[in-house]
């Protein structure tokens, strides 16, 4: 099978972090694969089924059993591919913090149905829900230790920040994007943007981590990465305040960041922010309720 996405990796001690990044067609969504001496752990599961199948090929190529899957937040581009993973690795436990589990149980099938009706059969037909609760605080898994923090009202209504303390690595999911990538601003509610900026300032100040696993695009340094994201969010806040409609907001953001990849995220965000065509209804298929 030809892999159309890209795979990067780095090693800390006995743990190797592999990042599969989907091609442009798949929104450059990241699935991170944490490899220990004995097994693998996946973080997030892709949007399009063909990209999830590529993740399967990467996993099989590593030659170790898949121990578990973590889902960081309830946005479809990070859980649609669970259908493929469940078919290929039946019985693998799927973990998420309680609020994300509850959200996915209530909404994920409706969201997938709506997106599949628009995009086609590259979107999952069957929602697969997390079956284990990822506890807040410290948890030991075979070969690694994590600390989990739940953050609310940032990029998503709820998401898990997962720190690997021995490896000095933070999985920040869509709260971070690599340099040159547009953040998704559409699920922002009143006051959300400042919450998100406060989170980024907190991550920027941390001295216990030196790399952040991002939701889209390349992984990044916590300090310079946070600065880029904060500047982007400040620009989005101003554009939101100065724009009368979705088109004006999207135009302002694209003019400020003409070279950023995947402007579709600005368009989606504009639809959500301005309630275009029912985009704020989760059953319409666009992310958060």
C-alpha atoms as a PDB file:
ATOM      1  CA  UNK A   1       0.000   0.000   0.000  1.00  0.00           C
ATOM      2  CA  UNK A   2       1.330   3.447  -0.924  1.00  0.00           C
ATOM      3  CA  UNK A   3       1.274   5.901   1.979  1.00  0.00           C
ATOM      4  CA  UNK A   4       0.161   9.361   0.850  1.00  0.00           C
ATOM      5  CA  UNK A   5       0.631  10.930   4.272  1.00  0.00           C
ATOM      6  CA  UNK A   6       3.963  11.568   5.953  1.00  0.00           C
ATOM      7  CA  UNK A   7       5.535   9.966   9.012  1.00  0.00           C
ATOM      8  CA  UNK A   8       8.019  11.678  11.309  1.00  0.00           C
ATOM      9  CA  UNK A   9       9.534  10.339  14.508  1.00  0.00           C
ATOM     10  CA  UNK A  10      11.747  11.140  17.463  1.00  0.00           C
ATOM     11  CA  UNK A  11      12.979   9.060  20.391  1.00  0.00           C
ATOM     12  CA  UNK A  12      13.193   9.883  24.073  1.00  0.00           C
ATOM     13  CA  UNK A  13      14.883   7.177  26.099  1.00  0.00           C
ATOM     14  CA  UNK A  14      13.140   3.898  25.308  1.00  0.00           C
ATOM     15  CA  UNK A  15      10.036   5.580  23.857  1.00  0.00           C
ATOM     16  CA  UNK A  16       9.645   6.590  20.217  1.00  0.00           C
ATOM     17  CA  UNK A  17       6.923   8.990  19.092  1.00  0.00           C
ATOM     18  CA  UNK A  18       5.798   8.502  15.497  1.00  0.00           C
ATOM     19  CA  UNK A  19       3.477  11.093  13.917  1.00  0.00           C
ATOM     20  CA  UNK A  20       1.417  10.209  10.872  1.00  0.00           C
ATOM     21  CA  UNK A  21       0.199  13.416   9.173  1.00  0.00           C
ATOM     22  CA  UNK A  22      -2.558  13.062   6.591  1.00  0.00           C
ATOM     23  CA  UNK A  23      -2.123  14.758   3.199  1.00  0.00           C
ATOM     24  CA  UNK A  24      -3.997  17.947   2.346  1.00  0.00           C
ATOM     25  CA  UNK A  25      -7.037  15.904   1.292  1.00  0.00           C
ATOM     26  CA  UNK A  26      -7.274  14.567   4.841  1.00  0.00           C
ATOM     27  CA  UNK A  27      -6.880  17.935   6.549  1.00  0.00           C
ATOM     28  CA  UNK A  28      -3.293  17.181   7.618  1.00  0.00           C
ATOM     29  CA  UNK A  29      -4.728  15.540  10.739  1.00  0.00           C
ATOM     30  CA  UNK A  30      -2.170  13.932  13.029  1.00  0.00           C
ATOM     31  CA  UNK A  31      -2.286  10.494  14.571  1.00  0.00           C
ATOM     32  CA  UNK A  32       0.541  10.001  17.051  1.00  0.00           C
ATOM     33  CA  UNK A  33       1.887   6.520  17.743  1.00  0.00           C
ATOM     34  CA  UNK A  34       3.708   6.032  21.037  1.00  0.00           C
ATOM     35  CA  UNK A  35       6.057   3.065  20.774  1.00  0.00           C
ATOM     36  CA  UNK A  36       7.474   1.422  23.875  1.00  0.00           C
ATOM     37  CA  UNK A  37       9.574  -1.736  24.061  1.00  0.00           C
ATOM     38  CA  UNK A  38       6.518  -3.988  24.050  1.00  0.00           C
ATOM     39  CA  UNK A  39       3.531  -2.225  22.455  1.00  0.00           C
ATOM     40  CA  UNK A  40       1.982   0.786  20.758  1.00  0.00           C
ATOM     41  CA  UNK A  41      -0.500   3.459  21.851  1.00  0.00           C
ATOM     42  CA  UNK A  42      -2.367   5.640  19.335  1.00  0.00           C
ATOM     43  CA  UNK A  43      -3.422   9.214  19.970  1.00  0.00           C
ATOM     44  CA  UNK A  44      -6.380  10.201  17.730  1.00  0.00           C
ATOM     45  CA  UNK A  45      -7.804   8.446  14.709  1.00  0.00           C
ATOM     46  CA  UNK A  46      -8.065  10.577  11.536  1.00  0.00           C
ATOM     47  CA  UNK A  47     -10.993  12.055   9.575  1.00  0.00           C
ATOM     48  CA  UNK A  48     -11.028  10.085   6.326  1.00  0.00           C
ATOM     49  CA  UNK A  49     -11.170   6.313   6.204  1.00  0.00           C
ATOM     50  CA  UNK A  50      -8.382   6.018   3.580  1.00  0.00           C
ATOM     51  CA  UNK A  51      -6.068   7.935   5.900  1.00  0.00           C
ATOM     52  CA  UNK A  52      -7.041   5.700   8.831  1.00  0.00           C
ATOM     53  CA  UNK A  53      -6.085   2.714   6.667  1.00  0.00           C
ATOM     54  CA  UNK A  54      -2.683   4.292   6.134  1.00  0.00           C
ATOM     55  CA  UNK A  55      -2.322   4.578   9.913  1.00  0.00           C
ATOM     56  CA  UNK A  56      -3.097   0.851  10.113  1.00  0.00           C
ATOM     57  CA  UNK A  57      -0.254   0.151   7.683  1.00  0.00           C
ATOM     58  CA  UNK A  58       2.148   2.252   9.745  1.00  0.00           C
ATOM     59  CA  UNK A  59       1.105   0.433  12.924  1.00  0.00           C
ATOM     60  CA  UNK A  60       1.511  -2.993  11.322  1.00  0.00           C
ATOM     61  CA  UNK A  61       4.905  -1.978   9.970  1.00  0.00           C
ATOM     62  CA  UNK A  62       6.164  -1.347  13.505  1.00  0.00           C
ATOM     63  CA  UNK A  63       5.586  -5.001  14.365  1.00  0.00           C
ATOM     64  CA  UNK A  64       4.226  -4.524  17.862  1.00  0.00           C
ATOM     65  CA  UNK A  65       0.709  -5.040  19.264  1.00  0.00           C
ATOM     66  CA  UNK A  66      -1.639  -2.073  19.574  1.00  0.00           C
ATOM     67  CA  UNK A  67      -2.363  -1.703  23.265  1.00  0.00           C
ATOM     68  CA  UNK A  68      -4.872   1.154  23.285  1.00  0.00           C
ATOM     69  CA  UNK A  69      -6.166   4.290  21.577  1.00  0.00           C
ATOM     70  CA  UNK A  70      -6.550   7.719  23.189  1.00  0.00           C
ATOM     71  CA  UNK A  71      -9.097  10.171  21.739  1.00  0.00           C
ATOM     72  CA  UNK A  72      -8.215  13.676  22.859  1.00  0.00           C
ATOM     73  CA  UNK A  73     -11.432  15.523  21.965  1.00  0.00           C
ATOM     74  CA  UNK A  74     -14.766  15.124  20.224  1.00  0.00           C
ATOM     75  CA  UNK A  75     -14.098  16.632  16.806  1.00  0.00           C
ATOM     76  CA  UNK A  76     -14.847  14.332  13.898  1.00  0.00           C
ATOM     77  CA  UNK A  77     -11.473  14.727  12.241  1.00  0.00           C
ATOM     78  CA  UNK A  78      -9.974  12.922  15.236  1.00  0.00           C
ATOM     79  CA  UNK A  79     -12.473  10.074  15.648  1.00  0.00           C
ATOM     80  CA  UNK A  80     -14.032   9.153  12.272  1.00  0.00           C
ATOM     81  CA  UNK A  81     -11.189   6.726  11.571  1.00  0.00           C
ATOM     82  CA  UNK A  82     -12.023   4.671  14.674  1.00  0.00           C
ATOM     83  CA  UNK A  83     -14.262   2.558  12.425  1.00  0.00           C
ATOM     84  CA  UNK A  84     -11.212   1.300  10.504  1.00  0.00           C
ATOM     85  CA  UNK A  85      -9.098   0.838  13.629  1.00  0.00           C
ATOM     86  CA  UNK A  86     -11.890  -1.099  15.331  1.00  0.00           C
ATOM     87  CA  UNK A  87     -12.190  -3.395  12.313  1.00  0.00           C
ATOM     88  CA  UNK A  88      -8.439  -3.971  12.044  1.00  0.00           C
ATOM     89  CA  UNK A  89      -7.659  -4.219  15.760  1.00  0.00           C
ATOM     90  CA  UNK A  90     -10.861  -5.573  17.360  1.00  0.00           C
ATOM     91  CA  UNK A  91     -10.999  -5.453  21.118  1.00  0.00           C
ATOM     92  CA  UNK A  92      -8.490  -2.623  21.448  1.00  0.00           C
ATOM     93  CA  UNK A  93      -9.536  -0.374  24.310  1.00  0.00           C
ATOM     94  CA  UNK A  94     -10.388   3.240  23.439  1.00  0.00           C
ATOM     95  CA  UNK A  95      -9.845   5.887  26.101  1.00  0.00           C
ATOM     96  CA  UNK A  96     -11.113   9.451  26.541  1.00  0.00           C
ATOM     97  CA  UNK A  97     -11.837  11.752  29.457  1.00  0.00           C
ATOM     98  CA  UNK A  98     -15.393  11.443  30.727  1.00  0.00           C
ATOM     99  CA  UNK A  99     -16.739  14.610  29.108  1.00  0.00           C
ATOM    100  CA  UNK A 100     -15.419  13.571  25.690  1.00  0.00           C
ATOM    101  CA  UNK A 101     -16.883  10.076  26.126  1.00  0.00           C
ATOM    102  CA  UNK A 102     -20.265  11.601  26.948  1.00  0.00           C
ATOM    103  CA  UNK A 103     -20.122  13.984  23.987  1.00  0.00           C
ATOM    104  CA  UNK A 104     -19.228  11.232  21.536  1.00  0.00           C
ATOM    105  CA  UNK A 105     -21.951   8.939  22.838  1.00  0.00           C
ATOM    106  CA  UNK A 106     -24.543  11.655  22.281  1.00  0.00           C
ATOM    107  CA  UNK A 107     -23.378  13.232  19.038  1.00  0.00           C
ATOM    108  CA  UNK A 108     -20.779  11.306  17.054  1.00  0.00           C
ATOM    109  CA  UNK A 109     -23.176   9.148  15.022  1.00  0.00           C
ATOM    110  CA  UNK A 110     -25.296  12.154  14.044  1.00  0.00           C
ATOM    111  CA  UNK A 111     -22.219  14.158  13.070  1.00  0.00           C
ATOM    112  CA  UNK A 112     -20.797  11.315  10.985  1.00  0.00           C
ATOM    113  CA  UNK A 113     -24.144  10.733   9.255  1.00  0.00           C
ATOM    114  CA  UNK A 114     -24.350  14.394   8.312  1.00  0.00           C
ATOM    115  CA  UNK A 115     -20.773  14.645   7.067  1.00  0.00           C
ATOM    116  CA  UNK A 116     -21.036  11.360   5.164  1.00  0.00           C
ATOM    117  CA  UNK A 117     -24.132  12.691   3.389  1.00  0.00           C
ATOM    118  CA  UNK A 118     -22.060  15.657   2.166  1.00  0.00           C
ATOM    119  CA  UNK A 119     -18.582  14.180   1.693  1.00  0.00           C
ATOM    120  CA  UNK A 120     -19.377  10.556   0.853  1.00  0.00           C
ATOM    121  CA  UNK A 121     -18.167   7.158   2.008  1.00  0.00           C
ATOM    122  CA  UNK A 122     -14.709   8.362   2.969  1.00  0.00           C
ATOM    123  CA  UNK A 123     -16.367   9.343   6.276  1.00  0.00           C
ATOM    124  CA  UNK A 124     -17.171   6.594   8.770  1.00  0.00           C
ATOM    125  CA  UNK A 125     -20.581   4.994   8.549  1.00  0.00           C
ATOM    126  CA  UNK A 126     -20.432   3.623  12.089  1.00  0.00           C
ATOM    127  CA  UNK A 127     -19.517   5.616  15.170  1.00  0.00           C
ATOM    128  CA  UNK A 128     -17.140   3.850  17.535  1.00  0.00           C
ATOM    129  CA  UNK A 129     -17.212   5.196  21.070  1.00  0.00           C
ATOM    130  CA  UNK A 130     -14.502   5.196  23.728  1.00  0.00           C
ATOM    131  CA  UNK A 131     -15.081   2.368  26.190  1.00  0.00           C
ATOM    132  CA  UNK A 132     -12.645   3.436  28.912  1.00  0.00           C
ATOM    133  CA  UNK A 133     -12.428   6.645  30.931  1.00  0.00           C
ATOM    134  CA  UNK A 134      -9.060   8.339  30.877  1.00  0.00           C
ATOM    135  CA  UNK A 135      -8.556   9.413  34.473  1.00  0.00           C
ATOM    136  CA  UNK A 136      -7.360  12.886  35.351  1.00  0.00           C
ATOM    137  CA  UNK A 137      -3.976  13.034  37.006  1.00  0.00           C
ATOM    138  CA  UNK A 138      -1.335  10.325  36.809  1.00  0.00           C
ATOM    139  CA  UNK A 139      -1.853   6.920  35.212  1.00  0.00           C
ATOM    140  CA  UNK A 140       0.674   4.163  34.528  1.00  0.00           C
ATOM    141  CA  UNK A 141       0.474   2.133  31.328  1.00  0.00           C
ATOM    142  CA  UNK A 142       2.926  -0.573  30.246  1.00  0.00           C
ATOM    143  CA  UNK A 143       6.167   1.209  29.444  1.00  0.00           C
ATOM    144  CA  UNK A 144       5.105   4.804  30.118  1.00  0.00           C
ATOM    145  CA  UNK A 145       3.475   7.181  32.565  1.00  0.00           C
ATOM    146  CA  UNK A 146       1.127  10.041  31.714  1.00  0.00           C
ATOM    147  CA  UNK A 147      -0.464  12.989  33.460  1.00  0.00           C
ATOM    148  CA  UNK A 148      -3.871  14.006  32.114  1.00  0.00           C
ATOM    149  CA  UNK A 149      -5.493  17.420  32.445  1.00  0.00           C
ATOM    150  CA  UNK A 150      -8.929  18.305  31.115  1.00  0.00           C
ATOM    151  CA  UNK A 151      -9.293  21.766  29.577  1.00  0.00           C
ATOM    152  CA  UNK A 152     -12.636  23.263  28.633  1.00  0.00           C
ATOM    153  CA  UNK A 153     -13.829  26.035  26.329  1.00  0.00           C
ATOM    154  CA  UNK A 154     -10.657  26.334  24.280  1.00  0.00           C
ATOM    155  CA  UNK A 155     -10.405  24.912  20.734  1.00  0.00           C
ATOM    156  CA  UNK A 156     -13.011  22.327  21.703  1.00  0.00           C
ATOM    157  CA  UNK A 157     -15.672  22.290  24.367  1.00  0.00           C
ATOM    158  CA  UNK A 158     -13.541  19.745  26.228  1.00  0.00           C
ATOM    159  CA  UNK A 159     -10.200  18.125  25.526  1.00  0.00           C
ATOM    160  CA  UNK A 160      -7.420  16.212  27.249  1.00  0.00           C
ATOM    161  CA  UNK A 161      -3.871  17.466  27.572  1.00  0.00           C
ATOM    162  CA  UNK A 162      -1.603  14.434  27.981  1.00  0.00           C
ATOM    163  CA  UNK A 163       1.883  14.915  29.395  1.00  0.00           C
ATOM    164  CA  UNK A 164       4.570  12.239  29.156  1.00  0.00           C
ATOM    165  CA  UNK A 165       6.761  13.488  32.027  1.00  0.00           C
ATOM    166  CA  UNK A 166       9.776  11.201  31.581  1.00  0.00           C
ATOM    167  CA  UNK A 167       9.921  12.083  27.889  1.00  0.00           C
ATOM    168  CA  UNK A 168       9.174  15.809  28.378  1.00  0.00           C
ATOM    169  CA  UNK A 169       6.430  15.621  25.747  1.00  0.00           C
ATOM    170  CA  UNK A 170       2.948  17.182  25.761  1.00  0.00           C
ATOM    171  CA  UNK A 171       0.076  16.058  23.542  1.00  0.00           C
ATOM    172  CA  UNK A 172      -1.933  19.266  23.146  1.00  0.00           C
ATOM    173  CA  UNK A 173      -4.091  18.133  20.172  1.00  0.00           C
ATOM    174  CA  UNK A 174      -5.882  20.963  18.354  1.00  0.00           C
ATOM    175  CA  UNK A 175      -5.033  23.538  20.981  1.00  0.00           C
ATOM    176  CA  UNK A 176      -1.740  23.739  19.053  1.00  0.00           C
ATOM    177  CA  UNK A 177      -1.072  23.754  15.338  1.00  0.00           C
ATOM    178  CA  UNK A 178       2.289  23.712  13.667  1.00  0.00           C
ATOM    179  CA  UNK A 179       3.783  26.920  12.223  1.00  0.00           C
ATOM    180  CA  UNK A 180       2.097  27.913   8.972  1.00  0.00           C
ATOM    181  CA  UNK A 181      -1.204  26.246   9.826  1.00  0.00           C
ATOM    182  CA  UNK A 182      -4.563  27.807  10.571  1.00  0.00           C
ATOM    183  CA  UNK A 183      -6.204  27.015  13.883  1.00  0.00           C
ATOM    184  CA  UNK A 184      -9.875  26.075  13.996  1.00  0.00           C
ATOM    185  CA  UNK A 185     -11.698  29.028  15.577  1.00  0.00           C
ATOM    186  CA  UNK A 186     -15.272  27.936  14.926  1.00  0.00           C
ATOM    187  CA  UNK A 187     -16.157  26.371  18.262  1.00  0.00           C
ATOM    188  CA  UNK A 188     -15.243  29.528  20.147  1.00  0.00           C
ATOM    189  CA  UNK A 189     -17.977  30.760  22.472  1.00  0.00           C
ATOM    190  CA  UNK A 190     -18.183  33.998  24.434  1.00  0.00           C
ATOM    191  CA  UNK A 191     -14.945  34.306  26.356  1.00  0.00           C
ATOM    192  CA  UNK A 192     -13.493  31.147  24.801  1.00  0.00           C
ATOM    193  CA  UNK A 193     -10.690  32.815  22.932  1.00  0.00           C
ATOM    194  CA  UNK A 194      -9.225  34.333  26.081  1.00  0.00           C
ATOM    195  CA  UNK A 195      -9.447  30.930  27.804  1.00  0.00           C
ATOM    196  CA  UNK A 196      -7.537  29.433  24.893  1.00  0.00           C
ATOM    197  CA  UNK A 197      -4.883  32.162  24.988  1.00  0.00           C
ATOM    198  CA  UNK A 198      -4.507  31.681  28.744  1.00  0.00           C
ATOM    199  CA  UNK A 199      -3.926  27.972  28.165  1.00  0.00           C
ATOM    200  CA  UNK A 200      -1.277  28.718  25.549  1.00  0.00           C
ATOM    201  CA  UNK A 201       0.454  31.154  27.906  1.00  0.00           C
ATOM    202  CA  UNK A 202       0.472  28.437  30.554  1.00  0.00           C
ATOM    203  CA  UNK A 203       1.995  25.904  28.150  1.00  0.00           C
ATOM    204  CA  UNK A 204       4.545  28.478  26.982  1.00  0.00           C
ATOM    205  CA  UNK A 205       5.712  28.956  30.569  1.00  0.00           C
ATOM    206  CA  UNK A 206       6.154  25.266  31.325  1.00  0.00           C
ATOM    207  CA  UNK A 207       9.714  24.114  31.939  1.00  0.00           C
ATOM    208  CA  UNK A 208       8.940  20.393  32.168  1.00  0.00           C
ATOM    209  CA  UNK A 209       8.295  19.876  28.423  1.00  0.00           C
ATOM    210  CA  UNK A 210      10.250  20.668  25.284  1.00  0.00           C
ATOM    211  CA  UNK A 211       8.073  19.368  22.461  1.00  0.00           C
ATOM    212  CA  UNK A 212       4.339  19.556  21.770  1.00  0.00           C
ATOM    213  CA  UNK A 213       2.448  16.977  19.708  1.00  0.00           C
ATOM    214  CA  UNK A 214       0.046  19.058  17.632  1.00  0.00           C
ATOM    215  CA  UNK A 215      -3.341  18.259  16.136  1.00  0.00           C
ATOM    216  CA  UNK A 216      -2.400  19.230  12.567  1.00  0.00           C
ATOM    217  CA  UNK A 217       0.932  19.663  10.891  1.00  0.00           C
ATOM    218  CA  UNK A 218       4.400  19.443  12.449  1.00  0.00           C
ATOM    219  CA  UNK A 219       5.052  19.029  16.130  1.00  0.00           C
ATOM    220  CA  UNK A 220       6.565  22.122  17.658  1.00  0.00           C
ATOM    221  CA  UNK A 221       8.485  23.777  20.446  1.00  0.00           C
ATOM    222  CA  UNK A 222       6.120  24.834  23.269  1.00  0.00           C
ATOM    223  CA  UNK A 223       7.400  28.387  23.514  1.00  0.00           C
ATOM    224  CA  UNK A 224       7.708  29.496  19.906  1.00  0.00           C
ATOM    225  CA  UNK A 225       4.686  27.384  18.964  1.00  0.00           C
ATOM    226  CA  UNK A 226       2.549  29.036  21.616  1.00  0.00           C
ATOM    227  CA  UNK A 227       3.612  32.492  20.472  1.00  0.00           C
ATOM    228  CA  UNK A 228       2.540  31.752  16.897  1.00  0.00           C
ATOM    229  CA  UNK A 229      -0.835  30.402  18.047  1.00  0.00           C
ATOM    230  CA  UNK A 230      -1.461  33.330  20.397  1.00  0.00           C
ATOM    231  CA  UNK A 231      -0.734  35.848  17.649  1.00  0.00           C
ATOM    232  CA  UNK A 232      -3.126  33.986  15.315  1.00  0.00           C
ATOM    233  CA  UNK A 233      -5.889  33.991  17.947  1.00  0.00           C
ATOM    234  CA  UNK A 234      -5.434  37.697  18.693  1.00  0.00           C
ATOM    235  CA  UNK A 235      -5.790  38.379  14.983  1.00  0.00           C
ATOM    236  CA  UNK A 236      -8.931  36.225  14.821  1.00  0.00           C
ATOM    237  CA  UNK A 237     -10.469  38.068  17.769  1.00  0.00           C
ATOM    238  CA  UNK A 238      -9.909  41.401  16.039  1.00  0.00           C
ATOM    239  CA  UNK A 239     -11.229  40.105  12.717  1.00  0.00           C
ATOM    240  CA  UNK A 240     -14.331  38.749  14.433  1.00  0.00           C
ATOM    241  CA  UNK A 241     -15.001  42.116  16.037  1.00  0.00           C
ATOM    242  CA  UNK A 242     -14.486  44.055  12.819  1.00  0.00           C
ATOM    243  CA  UNK A 243     -16.295  41.761  10.342  1.00  0.00           C
ATOM    244  CA  UNK A 244     -19.994  41.967   9.594  1.00  0.00           C
ATOM    245  CA  UNK A 245     -20.316  38.475   8.188  1.00  0.00           C
ATOM    246  CA  UNK A 246     -18.545  35.176   7.594  1.00  0.00           C
ATOM    247  CA  UNK A 247     -17.155  36.191   4.212  1.00  0.00           C
ATOM    248  CA  UNK A 248     -15.558  39.349   5.580  1.00  0.00           C
ATOM    249  CA  UNK A 249     -14.036  37.495   8.521  1.00  0.00           C
ATOM    250  CA  UNK A 250     -12.606  34.765   6.278  1.00  0.00           C
ATOM    251  CA  UNK A 251     -11.204  37.325   3.846  1.00  0.00           C
ATOM    252  CA  UNK A 252      -9.504  39.255   6.653  1.00  0.00           C
ATOM    253  CA  UNK A 253      -7.858  36.133   8.072  1.00  0.00           C
ATOM    254  CA  UNK A 254      -6.688  34.892   4.682  1.00  0.00           C
ATOM    255  CA  UNK A 255      -5.254  38.310   3.880  1.00  0.00           C
ATOM    256  CA  UNK A 256      -3.283  38.287   7.140  1.00  0.00           C
ATOM    257  CA  UNK A 257      -2.023  34.715   6.618  1.00  0.00           C
ATOM    258  CA  UNK A 258      -1.827  34.286   2.834  1.00  0.00           C
ATOM    259  CA  UNK A 259       0.793  31.558   2.997  1.00  0.00           C
ATOM    260  CA  UNK A 260      -0.784  29.412   5.712  1.00  0.00           C
ATOM    261  CA  UNK A 261      -1.836  25.953   4.644  1.00  0.00           C
ATOM    262  CA  UNK A 262      -5.429  24.678   4.607  1.00  0.00           C
ATOM    263  CA  UNK A 263      -7.545  27.859   4.525  1.00  0.00           C
ATOM    264  CA  UNK A 264     -10.571  25.532   4.631  1.00  0.00           C
ATOM    265  CA  UNK A 265     -10.278  25.703   8.435  1.00  0.00           C
ATOM    266  CA  UNK A 266     -10.831  29.461   8.253  1.00  0.00           C
ATOM    267  CA  UNK A 267     -13.907  28.880   6.084  1.00  0.00           C
ATOM    268  CA  UNK A 268     -15.313  26.262   8.473  1.00  0.00           C
ATOM    269  CA  UNK A 269     -14.606  28.533  11.407  1.00  0.00           C
ATOM    270  CA  UNK A 270     -16.350  31.445   9.730  1.00  0.00           C
ATOM    271  CA  UNK A 271     -19.468  29.337   9.120  1.00  0.00           C
ATOM    272  CA  UNK A 272     -19.529  28.290  12.753  1.00  0.00           C
ATOM    273  CA  UNK A 273     -18.887  31.785  14.112  1.00  0.00           C
ATOM    274  CA  UNK A 274     -21.632  33.391  12.020  1.00  0.00           C
ATOM    275  CA  UNK A 275     -24.119  30.510  12.038  1.00  0.00           C
ATOM    276  CA  UNK A 276     -24.114  30.027   8.267  1.00  0.00           C
ATOM    277  CA  UNK A 277     -26.637  27.426   7.038  1.00  0.00           C
ATOM    278  CA  UNK A 278     -27.216  25.956  10.470  1.00  0.00           C
ATOM    279  CA  UNK A 279     -23.520  25.276  11.063  1.00  0.00           C
ATOM    280  CA  UNK A 280     -23.950  25.703  14.821  1.00  0.00           C
ATOM    281  CA  UNK A 281     -26.217  22.651  14.946  1.00  0.00           C
ATOM    282  CA  UNK A 282     -24.029  19.593  15.650  1.00  0.00           C
ATOM    283  CA  UNK A 283     -26.363  17.363  13.665  1.00  0.00           C
ATOM    284  CA  UNK A 284     -25.489  19.524  10.621  1.00  0.00           C
ATOM    285  CA  UNK A 285     -22.104  17.907  10.898  1.00  0.00           C
ATOM    286  CA  UNK A 286     -19.743  20.646  11.953  1.00  0.00           C
ATOM    287  CA  UNK A 287     -18.046  19.712  15.170  1.00  0.00           C
ATOM    288  CA  UNK A 288     -19.217  21.023  18.560  1.00  0.00           C
ATOM    289  CA  UNK A 289     -22.818  21.556  19.721  1.00  0.00           C
END
